Amino acid sequence: MKANLFKIHLPILFFGIIGCTTVKKVSFKTPVDTTSKRINQQKKQVFITESKVFATNNFNGARLNGFEQENDSTYIAYIRPENTPINFSAYYSFKIWSATDKEIQIKFDYPKGHKHRYIPKLKKQNTNWRSIDSNLVHKKDSLTFIKLHVSKDTTWVSAQEIITSKDTEKWYQKATNNKPYVTVKSAGKSKLNKNLPVLDIYKGKKEQKPIVVLLTRQHPPEVTGFFAYQEFLEVILAENNLTNEFLNKYRVLAFPIVNPDGVDLGHWRHNANGVDTNRDWSEYRQPEIRQIVKFITKELKKNNSKIVLGLDFHSTYNDVFYTNKIREGTTLPNFIDDWFKALEQNIPNYKVNEAAGNSNKPVSKGWFLYGHNAVGITYEIGDATPRERIKEIGKVTAEEMMRILNKSNIN
């Protein structure tokens, strides 16, 4: 994985005013319309069938647009996105129970052109999430069915574990508790007035410290990326020689939930304005990205600092790092090669899956590169990557990032 030897050619930057802070809007080769669009709200309710099997979407993170009985044993779960066009990866999450114990099958009904992506996760009250037994899932033509035992004891059926904005808050409050080098701040509010938290992490003085930005949960269902983010950040927050050296030299701005509205609304991909926030890193038309960019810009200016690295944690079908080919001329031209080499050396039986390509659409990794001449990486974890493996990857990626940056000379 050799660094690109061509000199960096940055897109034309132009300036706009957001609040009282002047921010750079970044031009991309392929613009995306991120003006707000109408969404189709779920009607929160309990669905009651003739045989007294019940389902509900009345909780944060739910996605169930209809539920009905087809015959004595089969029930249909209607799953629809918040709006279209949208990616083809249907997200679902609902609770189900029955007046009597019985074995049923659930048929997932998606819009035309959309298909089943996520292996169902199951949970009962006071138990942990688990993936459904593969023998209980079958497909017929383009339809997906699951077999399920239902009773008076509620079962959650979800594409991925449910991690709401409140769950996220509980996690970062616990992770940062009694750590004087962390300040929990707010970058602003979302469309639905939910907090956009940011963890400001450093030791000593913050003036002129190079900044590492960590983002996650732009796309609501992508919780495996969030699990890696949790481990990554907790490693940085640990008290040891490696982290002490790192936090005395660098400042971390960590945004643990970029799209809280979409998360709590159970959206497939978009925010409450029906927009993919990871296409808004150019014009900043959406409140979440606009305020995060404003916050970062203000901190850079106030402390005479610069971004050197930006990592945006997501999920996809398999583990992959999306990188920019442009390396030479950036703040850390050798970081990606050095980092990936270290990961392969320190994670057992691990081979880095890199997909390199300069960002044409206005995504975060392109914003870091074109807007700040910094390394930008989209850090993707597979939907079905085992949780212990995610923790292992998250731990080592954080440790090796710090080791490399501790040795780097930032100009």
Protein backbone atom coordinates (compact mmCIF):
# COMPACT_ATOMS: atom_id res chain seq x y z
CA MET A 1 0.00 0.00 0.00
CA LYS A 2 2.22 2.77 -1.26
CA ALA A 3 1.40 6.42 -0.71
CA ASN A 4 0.20 8.37 -3.72
CA LEU A 5 3.19 10.26 -5.09
CA PHE A 6 1.27 13.03 -6.78
CA LYS A 7 1.00 16.38 -5.10
CA ILE A 8 -2.28 17.18 -3.49
CA HIS A 9 -4.70 19.29 -5.52
CA LEU A 10 -7.42 20.66 -3.29
CA PRO A 11 -10.85 21.67 -4.60
CA ILE A 12 -11.73 25.34 -4.56
CA LEU A 13 -12.86 26.41 -1.10
CA PHE A 14 -15.44 29.09 -0.65
CA PHE A 15 -16.68 30.72 2.48
CA GLY A 16 -20.07 31.07 4.11
CA ILE A 17 -21.40 32.40 7.35
CA ILE A 18 -22.96 30.05 9.89
CA GLY A 19 -24.06 31.89 12.99
CA CYS A 20 -21.15 34.09 14.08
CA THR A 21 -18.48 31.69 12.88
CA THR A 22 -17.00 31.80 9.40
CA VAL A 23 -16.69 28.29 8.00
CA LYS A 24 -15.23 26.90 4.83
CA LYS A 25 -17.67 25.18 2.55
CA VAL A 26 -15.90 22.51 0.54
CA SER A 27 -16.49 21.87 -3.15
CA PHE A 28 -16.76 18.24 -4.31
CA LYS A 29 -16.67 16.79 -7.82
CA THR A 30 -20.14 15.26 -7.48
CA PRO A 31 -22.48 17.53 -5.49
CA VAL A 32 -25.44 16.03 -3.64
CA ASP A 33 -28.72 17.81 -2.96
CA THR A 34 -29.03 17.83 0.84
CA THR A 35 -31.97 20.17 1.16
CA SER A 36 -34.58 18.88 3.59
CA LYS A 37 -37.09 16.35 2.29
CA ARG A 38 -40.39 15.06 3.59
CA ILE A 39 -40.31 11.89 5.66
CA ASN A 40 -43.05 9.35 6.29
CA GLN A 41 -43.62 9.18 10.02
CA GLN A 42 -44.36 5.82 11.61
CA LYS A 43 -47.63 5.73 13.48
CA LYS A 44 -46.69 4.53 16.96
CA GLN A 45 -49.12 1.84 18.01
CA VAL A 46 -49.80 -1.69 19.18
CA PHE A 47 -50.86 -4.00 16.35
CA ILE A 48 -53.47 -6.57 17.43
CA THR A 49 -54.20 -9.67 15.38
CA GLU A 50 -57.22 -11.97 15.50
CA SER A 51 -55.21 -14.75 17.15
CA LYS A 52 -54.01 -12.39 19.90
CA VAL A 53 -50.47 -12.03 18.69
CA PHE A 54 -49.34 -8.47 19.31
CA ALA A 55 -46.55 -6.29 17.93
CA THR A 56 -45.54 -2.71 18.63
CA ASN A 57 -43.23 0.03 17.40
CA ASN A 58 -43.88 2.25 20.40
CA PHE A 59 -40.28 2.73 21.55
CA ASN A 60 -37.21 4.64 20.44
CA GLY A 61 -35.29 2.95 17.64
CA ALA A 62 -38.33 1.02 16.39
CA ARG A 63 -39.18 0.44 12.73
CA LEU A 64 -42.44 -1.34 11.97
CA ASN A 65 -44.99 0.17 9.58
CA GLY A 66 -47.63 -2.51 9.79
CA PHE A 67 -48.30 -5.96 11.21
CA GLU A 68 -51.06 -8.37 10.28
CA GLN A 69 -52.02 -12.03 10.32
CA GLU A 70 -51.85 -13.87 6.99
CA ASN A 71 -53.02 -17.32 8.12
CA ASP A 72 -53.03 -19.53 11.22
CA SER A 73 -49.27 -19.47 11.63
CA THR A 74 -47.87 -16.66 9.44
CA TYR A 75 -47.73 -12.95 10.25
CA ILE A 76 -46.53 -10.14 8.01
CA ALA A 77 -44.22 -7.38 9.24
CA TYR A 78 -44.39 -4.40 6.89
CA ILE A 79 -41.15 -2.44 6.82
CA ARG A 80 -40.91 0.88 4.99
CA PRO A 81 -38.16 3.54 4.88
CA GLU A 82 -38.46 7.10 6.11
CA ASN A 83 -38.41 8.36 2.51
CA THR A 84 -36.92 7.60 -0.88
CA PRO A 85 -34.55 7.40 -2.66
CA ILE A 86 -32.62 5.48 -0.04
CA ASN A 87 -30.16 2.61 0.23
CA PHE A 88 -31.51 -0.90 -0.22
CA SER A 89 -30.65 -2.06 3.31
CA ALA A 90 -33.94 -2.33 5.15
CA TYR A 91 -33.85 -1.72 8.90
CA TYR A 92 -36.50 -3.15 11.22
CA SER A 93 -37.11 -3.29 14.96
CA PHE A 94 -40.23 -4.24 16.89
CA LYS A 95 -41.54 -6.01 19.98
CA ILE A 96 -43.81 -9.04 19.76
CA TRP A 97 -45.79 -11.15 22.26
CA SER A 98 -48.82 -13.41 22.41
CA ALA A 99 -51.71 -14.19 24.75
CA THR A 100 -50.74 -17.89 24.54
CA ASP A 101 -47.53 -19.77 23.79
CA LYS A 102 -47.19 -20.66 20.12
CA GLU A 103 -44.78 -21.15 17.24
CA ILE A 104 -45.26 -18.65 14.43
CA GLN A 105 -43.45 -17.45 11.35
CA ILE A 106 -42.95 -13.81 10.42
CA LYS A 107 -42.72 -12.71 6.81
CA PHE A 108 -40.81 -9.48 6.17
CA ASP A 109 -42.50 -7.28 3.59
CA TYR A 110 -40.20 -4.66 2.07
CA PRO A 111 -40.85 -2.18 -0.76
CA LYS A 112 -40.08 -3.39 -4.27
CA GLY A 113 -36.34 -3.42 -4.94
CA HIS A 114 -35.38 -3.68 -1.27
CA LYS A 115 -34.22 -6.86 0.40
CA HIS A 116 -33.31 -8.41 3.72
CA ARG A 117 -29.81 -7.45 4.89
CA TYR A 118 -29.54 -7.86 8.64
CA ILE A 119 -29.57 -11.15 10.55
CA PRO A 120 -32.36 -10.73 13.14
CA LYS A 121 -31.25 -10.06 16.70
CA LEU A 122 -33.50 -11.24 19.54
CA LYS A 123 -33.84 -10.12 23.12
CA LYS A 124 -36.17 -10.71 26.04
CA GLN A 125 -36.57 -8.63 29.16
CA ASN A 126 -33.37 -8.64 31.25
CA THR A 127 -31.42 -10.74 28.74
CA ASN A 128 -28.66 -9.86 26.29
CA TRP A 129 -29.10 -9.60 22.55
CA ARG A 130 -28.38 -12.71 20.49
CA SER A 131 -28.51 -13.51 16.80
CA ILE A 132 -31.31 -15.80 15.73
CA ASP A 133 -30.41 -19.41 14.94
CA SER A 134 -29.75 -19.60 11.21
CA ASN A 135 -32.01 -22.66 10.99
CA LEU A 136 -34.95 -20.41 11.89
CA VAL A 137 -34.45 -18.14 8.88
CA HIS A 138 -35.45 -19.14 5.37
CA LYS A 139 -36.10 -17.48 2.06
CA LYS A 140 -38.70 -18.16 -0.57
CA ASP A 141 -38.35 -16.31 -3.84
CA SER A 142 -37.45 -12.75 -2.76
CA LEU A 143 -39.12 -13.02 0.66
CA THR A 144 -37.49 -13.68 4.04
CA PHE A 145 -39.21 -15.57 6.86
CA ILE A 146 -38.23 -16.27 10.47
CA LYS A 147 -39.66 -18.83 12.86
CA LEU A 148 -40.26 -17.58 16.37
CA HIS A 149 -41.67 -18.84 19.65
CA VAL A 150 -43.95 -16.19 21.17
CA SER A 151 -45.56 -15.97 24.60
CA LYS A 152 -46.67 -13.38 27.11
CA ASP A 153 -42.98 -12.60 27.61
CA THR A 154 -42.11 -9.83 25.14
CA THR A 155 -39.45 -10.52 22.51
CA TRP A 156 -37.55 -7.76 20.71
CA VAL A 157 -36.85 -8.53 17.04
CA SER A 158 -34.35 -6.12 15.53
CA ALA A 159 -31.96 -5.80 12.61
CA GLN A 160 -29.26 -4.73 15.05
CA GLU A 161 -29.05 -4.13 18.77
CA ILE A 162 -30.96 -1.03 19.79
CA ILE A 163 -28.63 1.74 20.98
CA THR A 164 -30.67 4.92 21.39
CA SER A 165 -29.46 8.46 22.05
CA LYS A 166 -30.14 7.90 25.77
CA ASP A 167 -28.15 4.67 25.73
CA THR A 168 -25.30 6.56 24.09
CA GLU A 169 -25.43 9.27 26.72
CA LYS A 170 -25.31 6.71 29.55
CA TRP A 171 -22.26 5.13 27.94
CA TYR A 172 -20.18 8.28 27.44
CA GLN A 173 -21.12 9.69 30.85
CA LYS A 174 -19.87 6.49 32.47
CA ALA A 175 -16.77 6.27 30.25
CA THR A 176 -15.72 9.85 31.06
CA ASN A 177 -16.71 9.90 34.74
CA ASN A 178 -13.95 11.20 37.07
CA LYS A 179 -11.62 11.90 34.17
CA PRO A 180 -10.50 15.54 34.54
CA TYR A 181 -8.95 15.58 31.08
CA VAL A 182 -12.37 15.10 29.43
CA THR A 183 -15.02 17.79 29.10
CA VAL A 184 -18.45 16.80 27.81
CA LYS A 185 -19.77 19.64 25.66
CA SER A 186 -22.55 20.21 23.18
CA ALA A 187 -22.12 21.20 19.55
CA GLY A 188 -25.81 22.17 19.41
CA LYS A 189 -29.19 20.57 18.84
CA SER A 190 -30.67 18.36 16.16
CA LYS A 191 -33.82 19.05 14.17
CA LEU A 192 -35.88 17.48 16.99
CA ASN A 193 -33.91 19.33 19.68
CA LYS A 194 -31.76 16.39 20.71
CA ASN A 195 -28.26 17.05 21.99
CA LEU A 196 -25.21 16.75 19.72
CA PRO A 197 -22.59 15.80 22.31
CA VAL A 198 -18.86 16.20 21.87
CA LEU A 199 -16.15 14.87 24.17
CA ASP A 200 -13.20 17.26 24.36
CA ILE A 201 -10.17 15.22 25.41
CA TYR A 202 -6.63 16.48 26.09
CA LYS A 203 -4.05 17.05 28.82
CA GLY A 204 -2.13 20.23 29.52
CA LYS A 205 -2.85 23.23 27.32
CA LYS A 206 -5.10 22.90 24.29
CA GLU A 207 -3.63 25.82 22.35
CA GLN A 208 -1.89 24.74 19.12
CA LYS A 209 -2.52 21.06 19.83
CA PRO A 210 -3.11 19.02 16.63
CA ILE A 211 -6.65 17.64 16.61
CA VAL A 212 -8.01 14.15 15.92
CA VAL A 213 -11.76 14.07 15.15
CA LEU A 214 -13.84 10.93 15.78
CA LEU A 215 -17.37 10.62 14.37
CA THR A 216 -20.03 7.90 14.46
CA ARG A 217 -23.76 7.10 14.05
CA GLN A 218 -24.34 9.20 10.95
CA HIS A 219 -26.37 6.22 9.71
CA PRO A 220 -28.71 4.93 12.45
CA PRO A 221 -28.54 1.11 12.06
CA GLU A 222 -24.75 0.97 11.86
CA VAL A 223 -24.16 -0.08 15.45
CA THR A 224 -21.19 -2.40 14.86
CA GLY A 225 -19.20 0.68 13.87
CA PHE A 226 -20.39 2.31 17.08
CA PHE A 227 -19.18 -0.70 19.10
CA ALA A 228 -15.71 -0.28 17.58
CA TYR A 229 -15.93 3.45 18.34
CA GLN A 230 -16.72 2.71 21.99
CA GLU A 231 -13.70 0.45 22.39
CA PHE A 232 -11.47 2.86 20.44
CA LEU A 233 -12.43 5.78 22.66
CA GLU A 234 -12.22 3.85 25.92
CA VAL A 235 -8.66 2.86 25.04
CA ILE A 236 -7.78 6.53 24.53
CA LEU A 237 -9.40 7.38 27.87
CA ALA A 238 -7.35 4.81 29.80
CA GLU A 239 -4.58 6.06 32.09
CA ASN A 240 -1.23 4.69 30.95
CA ASN A 241 2.06 5.88 29.47
CA LEU A 242 0.81 5.57 25.89
CA THR A 243 -2.34 7.62 26.44
CA ASN A 244 -0.61 10.17 28.65
CA GLU A 245 1.95 10.91 25.95
CA PHE A 246 -0.75 11.03 23.28
CA LEU A 247 -3.11 13.36 25.15
CA ASN A 248 -0.28 15.69 26.12
CA LYS A 249 0.56 16.06 22.44
CA TYR A 250 -2.88 15.82 20.77
CA ARG A 251 -6.47 16.87 21.37
CA VAL A 252 -9.40 14.60 20.51
CA LEU A 253 -12.85 15.90 19.58
CA ALA A 254 -15.17 12.89 19.71
CA PHE A 255 -18.77 13.08 18.45
CA PRO A 256 -20.51 9.87 19.66
CA ILE A 257 -23.86 10.38 17.91
CA VAL A 258 -24.08 12.63 14.85
CA ASN A 259 -27.66 11.71 13.92
CA PRO A 260 -29.64 11.25 17.17
CA ASP A 261 -33.00 11.92 15.50
CA GLY A 262 -32.52 9.21 12.90
CA VAL A 263 -31.36 6.79 15.59
CA ASP A 264 -34.38 7.32 17.84
CA LEU A 265 -36.85 7.44 14.94
CA GLY A 266 -35.66 4.05 13.70
CA HIS A 267 -34.61 5.40 10.32
CA TRP A 268 -32.88 3.28 7.73
CA ARG A 269 -30.33 5.98 6.94
CA HIS A 270 -31.49 9.60 7.14
CA ASN A 271 -32.02 12.31 9.74
CA ALA A 272 -35.36 13.88 10.71
CA ASN A 273 -35.17 16.05 7.59
CA GLY A 274 -34.94 12.99 5.36
CA VAL A 275 -31.29 13.56 4.42
CA ASP A 276 -28.15 11.40 4.56
CA THR A 277 -25.90 13.48 6.82
CA ASN A 278 -22.83 11.84 5.28
CA ARG A 279 -23.58 13.65 2.04
CA ASP A 280 -23.80 17.09 3.65
CA TRP A 281 -20.10 17.81 4.27
CA SER A 282 -20.05 20.55 1.66
CA GLU A 283 -22.96 22.96 2.05
CA TYR A 284 -23.92 22.06 5.65
CA ARG A 285 -27.63 22.37 4.97
CA GLN A 286 -28.57 20.05 7.82
CA PRO A 287 -28.47 21.25 11.43
CA GLU A 288 -26.36 18.34 12.69
CA ILE A 289 -23.49 18.79 10.24
CA ARG A 290 -23.79 22.58 10.24
CA GLN A 291 -23.32 22.77 14.02
CA ILE A 292 -20.58 20.15 14.19
CA VAL A 293 -18.60 21.99 11.50
CA LYS A 294 -19.22 25.29 13.27
CA PHE A 295 -18.00 23.82 16.57
CA ILE A 296 -14.82 22.39 15.03
CA THR A 297 -14.11 25.57 13.07
CA LYS A 298 -14.47 27.71 16.18
CA GLU A 299 -12.09 25.50 18.18
CA LEU A 300 -9.49 25.50 15.40
CA LYS A 301 -9.52 29.28 15.15
CA LYS A 302 -9.64 29.96 18.89
CA ASN A 303 -6.72 27.68 19.69
CA ASN A 304 -4.64 28.12 16.53
CA SER A 305 -4.96 24.40 15.86
CA LYS A 306 -5.39 22.13 12.86
CA ILE A 307 -6.99 18.76 12.19
CA VAL A 308 -4.48 16.04 11.37
CA LEU A 309 -6.75 12.98 11.31
CA GLY A 310 -10.47 12.28 11.03
CA LEU A 311 -12.04 8.84 11.56
CA ASP A 312 -15.72 8.25 10.82
CA PHE A 313 -17.02 4.92 12.19
CA HIS A 314 -19.70 3.09 10.15
CA SER A 315 -20.94 -0.44 9.39
CA THR A 316 -21.28 -2.32 6.13
CA TYR A 317 -21.38 -5.93 4.92
CA ASN A 318 -17.72 -6.64 5.75
CA ASP A 319 -14.88 -4.90 7.57
CA VAL A 320 -13.26 -2.28 5.34
CA PHE A 321 -11.35 0.99 5.57
CA TYR A 322 -12.31 3.57 2.94
CA THR A 323 -9.35 5.85 2.35
CA ASN A 324 -8.37 8.71 0.07
CA LYS A 325 -5.66 8.00 -2.50
CA ILE A 326 -4.22 11.47 -2.01
CA ARG A 327 -1.55 11.14 0.68
CA GLU A 328 1.46 13.27 -0.18
CA GLY A 329 1.08 16.85 0.97
CA THR A 330 -1.31 15.98 3.79
CA THR A 331 -0.48 16.45 7.46
CA LEU A 332 0.29 12.73 7.90
CA PRO A 333 1.33 11.40 4.47
CA ASN A 334 2.57 8.04 5.79
CA PHE A 335 -0.04 7.43 8.48
CA ILE A 336 -2.33 5.07 6.56
CA ASP A 337 0.46 2.77 5.39
CA ASP A 338 2.09 2.72 8.83
CA TRP A 339 -1.22 2.17 10.61
CA PHE A 340 -2.39 -0.68 8.41
CA LYS A 341 0.98 -2.41 8.68
CA ALA A 342 0.82 -2.15 12.47
CA LEU A 343 -2.72 -3.55 12.55
CA GLU A 344 -1.74 -6.62 10.56
CA GLN A 345 1.22 -7.17 12.87
CA ASN A 346 -0.73 -6.80 16.11
CA ILE A 347 -4.20 -8.26 15.42
CA PRO A 348 -4.08 -12.07 15.14
CA ASN A 349 -5.12 -13.47 11.76
CA TYR A 350 -6.02 -10.03 10.46
CA LYS A 351 -5.70 -8.66 6.94
CA VAL A 352 -6.57 -5.03 6.32
CA ASN A 353 -9.29 -4.59 3.72
CA GLU A 354 -8.65 -1.18 2.19
CA ALA A 355 -10.76 0.49 -0.48
CA ALA A 356 -8.88 3.56 -1.67
CA GLY A 357 -10.52 6.25 -3.75
CA ASN A 358 -10.62 10.02 -3.49
CA SER A 359 -13.97 11.29 -2.25
CA ASN A 360 -16.10 12.62 -5.08
CA LYS A 361 -19.28 13.03 -3.04
CA PRO A 362 -19.44 15.30 0.04
CA VAL A 363 -18.64 12.72 2.72
CA SER A 364 -16.70 13.28 5.93
CA LYS A 365 -13.45 11.68 4.78
CA GLY A 366 -13.40 14.05 1.81
CA TRP A 367 -14.12 17.01 4.09
CA PHE A 368 -11.10 16.16 6.22
CA LEU A 369 -8.90 15.93 3.12
CA TYR A 370 -10.15 18.76 0.95
CA GLY A 371 -11.17 21.12 3.73
CA HIS A 372 -8.28 20.56 6.14
CA ASN A 373 -5.52 18.78 4.25
CA ALA A 374 -5.87 16.03 6.85
CA VAL A 375 -6.08 12.26 6.61
CA GLY A 376 -9.70 11.15 6.44
CA ILE A 377 -10.79 7.52 6.83
CA THR A 378 -14.20 5.87 6.90
CA TYR A 379 -13.76 3.04 9.40
CA GLU A 380 -16.31 0.31 8.61
CA ILE A 381 -17.13 -2.79 10.65
CA GLY A 382 -19.04 -5.72 9.17
CA ASP A 383 -22.68 -6.23 10.16
CA ALA A 384 -21.95 -9.69 11.51
CA THR A 385 -18.40 -9.23 12.81
CA PRO A 386 -18.33 -10.99 16.22
CA ARG A 387 -18.52 -8.60 19.15
CA GLU A 388 -15.30 -9.84 20.75
CA ARG A 389 -13.51 -9.38 17.42
CA ILE A 390 -14.87 -5.83 17.20
CA LYS A 391 -13.45 -5.07 20.65
CA GLU A 392 -10.09 -6.54 19.66
CA ILE A 393 -9.97 -4.48 16.45
CA GLY A 394 -11.13 -1.33 18.24
CA LYS A 395 -8.48 -1.72 20.93
CA VAL A 396 -5.54 -2.32 18.62
CA THR A 397 -6.54 0.35 16.08
CA ALA A 398 -6.59 2.94 18.88
CA GLU A 399 -3.30 1.81 20.41
CA GLU A 400 -1.45 1.77 17.09
CA MET A 401 -2.90 5.13 16.07
CA MET A 402 -1.52 6.66 19.26
CA ARG A 403 1.87 5.01 18.88
CA ILE A 404 2.25 6.32 15.34
CA LEU A 405 1.07 9.81 16.17
CA ASN A 406 3.30 10.00 19.24
CA LYS A 407 6.29 9.49 16.94
CA SER A 408 5.07 11.90 14.26
CA ASN A 409 6.37 15.38 13.77
CA ILE A 410 3.44 17.59 12.83
CA ASN A 411 4.44 20.68 10.91
